[in-house]
Amino acid sequence: MSAAASVRLALAAAVCAGASVLTGGCSSASVGAASGAAAGVATGIVTVNPAVGIGVGIAVQAATDEVVKNYMRDMHTDQQNLIAALAGTLAIGETRSWSVKHAMPVENGHGHVRVTRAFTSALASCKDFVFSVQDGDDPGAHEAWYTGSACQQGQDKGWKWALAEPAVDRWGNLQ
């Protein structure tokens, strides 16, 4: 491939990567793809070897996707821990608001928690609850409801998230 063709290919890849970031929002797929494409194009131009560029691009995309996935899991864990702790303090039928604000404005959330059942087994005391997640701060914002369970992890360890199968839509498989 000639140098001019390499430059045209690199420019086209950079434009595609930029467009995917602008149109894809902050999804982990677009961030990983864009960073992988940019790294691959830059490496391919420097080494004048497209195979090396492709290899570097794939490696950078995989690493970026993993970092984003871990960060999102931490953000979801913050929400789950807060909701579980709040549910642990509530009586059956009681409802309270929950809200999480992170330093980076990603995965902030708010809504309501309502305990629907409390039970004790030989292993733990648990509560089933419903919780909502509101789409925005407006009073009339859409509110989606999910179910979950929290169990007490000993007297001094507090309440932790136990089960949330219907909430898979909310957090994916990052439970």
Protein backbone atom coordinates (compact mmCIF):
# COMPACT_ATOMS: atom_id res chain seq x y z
CA MET A 1 0.00 0.00 0.00
CA SER A 2 1.37 3.42 -0.93
CA ALA A 3 1.97 6.14 1.64
CA ALA A 4 -0.84 8.25 0.16
CA ALA A 5 -3.27 5.35 0.40
CA SER A 6 -2.21 4.75 4.01
CA VAL A 7 -2.84 8.39 4.87
CA ARG A 8 -6.30 8.29 3.20
CA LEU A 9 -7.16 5.08 5.05
CA ALA A 10 -5.96 6.57 8.34
CA LEU A 11 -8.02 9.72 7.78
CA ALA A 12 -11.13 7.67 6.95
CA ALA A 13 -10.67 5.51 10.05
CA ALA A 14 -10.18 8.60 12.24
CA VAL A 15 -13.37 10.17 10.86
CA CYS A 16 -15.30 6.92 11.48
CA ALA A 17 -13.92 6.65 15.02
CA GLY A 18 -14.85 10.27 15.76
CA ALA A 19 -18.33 9.77 14.36
CA SER A 20 -18.86 6.65 16.46
CA VAL A 21 -17.93 8.57 19.61
CA LEU A 22 -20.25 11.46 18.74
CA THR A 23 -23.21 9.29 17.78
CA GLY A 24 -22.67 6.50 20.27
CA GLY A 25 -22.79 8.56 23.45
CA CYS A 26 -20.80 7.12 26.31
CA SER A 27 -21.47 3.45 25.76
CA SER A 28 -18.52 1.21 26.46
CA ALA A 29 -18.72 -0.24 22.95
CA SER A 30 -18.22 3.14 21.26
CA VAL A 31 -15.42 4.21 23.61
CA GLY A 32 -13.52 0.96 23.16
CA ALA A 33 -14.06 0.90 19.40
CA ALA A 34 -13.02 4.52 18.98
CA SER A 35 -9.88 4.17 21.09
CA GLY A 36 -8.97 0.91 19.35
CA ALA A 37 -9.48 2.44 15.92
CA ALA A 38 -7.43 5.52 16.78
CA ALA A 39 -4.58 3.46 18.24
CA GLY A 40 -4.63 1.05 15.31
CA VAL A 41 -4.59 3.83 12.73
CA ALA A 42 -1.78 5.68 14.50
CA THR A 43 0.29 2.50 14.85
CA GLY A 44 -0.38 1.50 11.25
CA ILE A 45 0.81 4.89 10.01
CA VAL A 46 3.97 4.85 12.14
CA THR A 47 4.93 1.26 11.35
CA VAL A 48 3.53 1.29 7.79
CA ASN A 49 2.30 -2.20 8.60
CA PRO A 50 -1.49 -2.61 8.71
CA ALA A 51 -1.23 -5.96 10.51
CA VAL A 52 0.58 -4.34 13.44
CA GLY A 53 -1.98 -1.53 13.45
CA ILE A 54 -4.86 -4.03 13.55
CA GLY A 55 -3.23 -5.97 16.40
CA VAL A 56 -2.64 -2.83 18.46
CA GLY A 57 -6.17 -1.61 17.73
CA ILE A 58 -7.73 -4.86 18.94
CA ALA A 59 -5.58 -4.87 22.10
CA VAL A 60 -6.42 -1.25 22.93
CA GLN A 61 -10.14 -1.85 22.32
CA ALA A 62 -10.14 -4.90 24.61
CA ALA A 63 -8.27 -3.06 27.37
CA THR A 64 -10.53 0.00 27.12
CA ASP A 65 -13.68 -2.15 27.18
CA GLU A 66 -12.45 -3.92 30.32
CA VAL A 67 -11.65 -0.66 32.13
CA VAL A 68 -15.05 0.81 31.25
CA LYS A 69 -16.84 -2.41 32.32
CA ASN A 70 -15.05 -2.39 35.70
CA TYR A 71 -15.83 1.29 36.26
CA MET A 72 -19.51 0.75 35.45
CA ARG A 73 -19.65 -2.25 37.78
CA ASP A 74 -18.28 -0.06 40.59
CA MET A 75 -20.90 2.61 39.87
CA HIS A 76 -23.70 0.01 39.89
CA THR A 77 -22.37 -1.48 43.12
CA ASP A 78 -22.63 1.97 44.74
CA GLN A 79 -26.29 2.16 43.76
CA GLN A 80 -27.01 -1.40 44.88
CA ASN A 81 -25.29 -0.93 48.26
CA LEU A 82 -27.22 2.27 48.95
CA ILE A 83 -30.58 0.72 47.98
CA ALA A 84 -29.90 -2.44 50.03
CA ALA A 85 -28.85 -0.42 53.10
CA LEU A 86 -31.93 1.77 52.80
CA ALA A 87 -34.23 -1.25 52.39
CA GLY A 88 -32.68 -2.73 55.53
CA THR A 89 -33.86 0.25 57.58
CA LEU A 90 -37.43 0.24 56.26
CA ALA A 91 -40.49 -1.52 57.66
CA ILE A 92 -42.81 -3.51 55.41
CA GLY A 93 -44.84 -1.10 53.26
CA GLU A 94 -42.60 1.88 54.02
CA THR A 95 -41.19 3.91 51.10
CA ARG A 96 -38.20 6.27 50.97
CA SER A 97 -36.25 8.09 48.30
CA TRP A 98 -32.73 7.07 47.28
CA SER A 99 -30.12 9.05 45.38
CA VAL A 100 -26.50 8.47 44.32
CA LYS A 101 -24.21 11.22 43.03
CA HIS A 102 -20.75 10.23 41.81
CA ALA A 103 -17.77 12.54 41.35
CA MET A 104 -18.03 11.92 37.60
CA PRO A 105 -21.59 12.51 36.40
CA VAL A 106 -21.94 8.91 35.20
CA GLU A 107 -24.47 6.43 36.59
CA ASN A 108 -25.98 8.90 39.01
CA GLY A 109 -29.41 7.73 39.95
CA HIS A 110 -32.42 8.40 42.09
CA GLY A 111 -35.81 6.94 42.78
CA HIS A 112 -37.75 5.21 45.55
CA VAL A 113 -37.45 2.00 47.59
CA ARG A 114 -40.44 0.18 49.11
CA VAL A 115 -40.08 -2.96 51.25
CA THR A 116 -42.68 -5.60 50.34
CA ARG A 117 -41.69 -8.54 52.56
CA ALA A 118 -39.31 -9.41 55.38
CA PHE A 119 -38.28 -12.96 56.28
CA THR A 120 -35.71 -14.78 58.35
CA SER A 121 -34.04 -18.09 57.61
CA ALA A 122 -31.40 -20.05 59.47
CA LEU A 123 -28.79 -18.20 57.43
CA ALA A 124 -29.91 -14.56 57.33
CA SER A 125 -32.59 -11.94 57.77
CA CYS A 126 -33.73 -10.68 54.37
CA LYS A 127 -36.13 -8.19 52.81
CA ASP A 128 -37.73 -8.15 49.39
CA PHE A 129 -38.31 -4.71 47.94
CA VAL A 130 -39.26 -2.81 44.85
CA PHE A 131 -37.21 0.15 43.73
CA SER A 132 -37.62 2.74 41.05
CA VAL A 133 -35.19 4.60 38.85
CA GLN A 134 -36.35 7.98 37.57
CA ASP A 135 -35.35 9.29 34.15
CA GLY A 136 -34.45 12.85 35.01
CA ASP A 137 -35.13 15.36 37.75
CA ASP A 138 -38.50 16.65 36.55
CA PRO A 139 -41.46 15.89 38.87
CA GLY A 140 -43.25 14.06 36.05
CA ALA A 141 -40.20 12.07 34.89
CA HIS A 142 -40.74 8.44 33.89
CA GLU A 143 -40.10 6.03 36.74
CA ALA A 144 -39.20 2.38 35.98
CA TRP A 145 -39.75 -0.17 38.78
CA TYR A 146 -37.67 -3.27 39.54
CA THR A 147 -37.54 -5.88 42.30
CA GLY A 148 -34.67 -6.98 44.50
CA SER A 149 -33.71 -8.60 47.77
CA ALA A 150 -31.24 -7.64 50.45
CA CYS A 151 -29.94 -9.69 53.37
CA GLN A 152 -28.26 -8.64 56.58
CA GLN A 153 -24.62 -9.71 56.59
CA GLY A 154 -24.31 -9.99 60.37
CA GLN A 155 -25.16 -7.43 63.00
CA ASP A 156 -22.23 -5.14 62.26
CA LYS A 157 -21.82 -5.58 58.48
CA GLY A 158 -25.12 -4.11 57.33
CA TRP A 159 -27.37 -5.08 54.44
CA LYS A 160 -26.13 -6.25 51.06
CA TRP A 161 -27.77 -6.86 47.70
CA ALA A 162 -28.89 -10.49 47.43
CA LEU A 163 -31.07 -11.01 44.35
CA ALA A 164 -32.37 -8.95 41.50
CA GLU A 165 -33.33 -11.12 38.54
CA PRO A 166 -36.02 -8.75 37.22
CA ALA A 167 -33.53 -5.89 37.55
CA VAL A 168 -31.18 -7.44 34.98
CA ASP A 169 -32.54 -4.90 32.48
CA ARG A 170 -31.29 -2.11 34.76
CA TRP A 171 -27.73 -3.37 35.37
CA GLY A 172 -27.22 -6.08 32.78
CA ASN A 173 -25.18 -9.01 34.00
CA LEU A 174 -23.07 -6.80 36.28
CA GLN A 175 -24.85 -7.94 39.42
